[in-house]
Amino acid sequence: MKINCLSCGHKVELDDAYDDFEGLVKCFACTALLEIKTEEGRLKTVRFVKLVPRPGAWGKDAAV
């Protein structure tokens, strides 16, 4: 299954373990966290949660 990141549009590939899943998925292109729900291999909902800073990317004093 593939989903498009709501933050950057990158295609996130999910294997069969996500066919019946509810929880967080991370986009490795932009570090966004997406909350998804799937049933029987079909995407039911997807919601943008937040961007997760890469270590050191925003400096040690960056407020997130």
Protein backbone atom coordinates (compact mmCIF):
# COMPACT_ATOMS: atom_id res chain seq x y z
CA MET A 1 0.00 0.00 0.00
CA LYS A 2 1.24 3.51 -0.76
CA ILE A 3 0.09 6.75 0.82
CA ASN A 4 1.11 10.30 -0.02
CA CYS A 5 2.56 12.36 2.80
CA LEU A 6 0.22 15.23 3.60
CA SER A 7 3.19 17.48 4.33
CA CYS A 8 5.48 16.98 1.33
CA GLY A 9 3.67 14.63 -1.07
CA HIS A 10 6.31 11.89 -0.86
CA LYS A 11 4.96 8.38 -1.47
CA VAL A 12 5.27 6.33 1.71
CA GLU A 13 5.24 2.59 1.05
CA LEU A 14 3.65 0.36 3.67
CA ASP A 15 3.97 -3.42 3.68
CA ASP A 16 1.30 -6.00 4.52
CA ALA A 17 1.83 -5.50 8.26
CA TYR A 18 -0.17 -2.27 7.87
CA ASP A 19 -3.26 -3.92 6.32
CA ASP A 20 -5.16 -3.62 9.63
CA PHE A 21 -3.41 -0.81 11.49
CA GLU A 22 -4.18 2.27 13.53
CA GLY A 23 -1.31 4.50 14.61
CA LEU A 24 1.58 6.70 13.54
CA VAL A 25 3.66 6.47 10.37
CA LYS A 26 6.71 8.64 9.70
CA CYS A 27 7.57 10.13 6.33
CA PHE A 28 11.31 9.70 5.88
CA ALA A 29 11.48 12.45 3.27
CA CYS A 30 10.28 15.32 5.51
CA THR A 31 9.97 13.66 8.98
CA ALA A 32 6.22 14.32 9.24
CA LEU A 33 4.19 12.07 11.51
CA LEU A 34 0.93 10.87 10.01
CA GLU A 35 -1.81 9.18 11.96
CA ILE A 36 -3.42 6.51 9.79
CA LYS A 37 -6.12 3.88 10.04
CA THR A 38 -6.34 0.98 7.61
CA GLU A 39 -8.77 -1.93 7.36
CA GLU A 40 -8.35 -4.96 5.10
CA GLY A 41 -5.53 -3.28 3.19
CA ARG A 42 -7.48 -0.08 2.49
CA LEU A 43 -6.74 3.34 3.89
CA LYS A 44 -9.65 4.67 5.94
CA THR A 45 -8.20 7.85 7.44
CA VAL A 46 -4.97 9.83 7.36
CA ARG A 47 -4.20 12.92 9.44
CA PHE A 48 -1.10 15.10 9.67
CA VAL A 49 0.19 15.18 13.27
CA LYS A 50 3.46 17.14 13.22
CA LEU A 51 6.96 17.48 11.81
CA VAL A 52 9.67 15.80 13.85
CA PRO A 53 13.00 17.63 13.72
CA ARG A 54 16.01 15.70 12.54
CA PRO A 55 18.74 15.65 15.20
CA GLY A 56 20.80 18.81 14.84
CA ALA A 57 18.78 20.09 11.87
CA TRP A 58 17.28 23.05 13.68
CA GLY A 59 20.01 23.74 16.21
CA LYS A 60 20.20 22.81 19.86
CA ASP A 61 18.02 25.71 21.06
CA ALA A 62 15.19 25.31 18.54
CA ALA A 63 11.70 25.30 20.01
CA VAL A 64 9.45 22.59 18.60
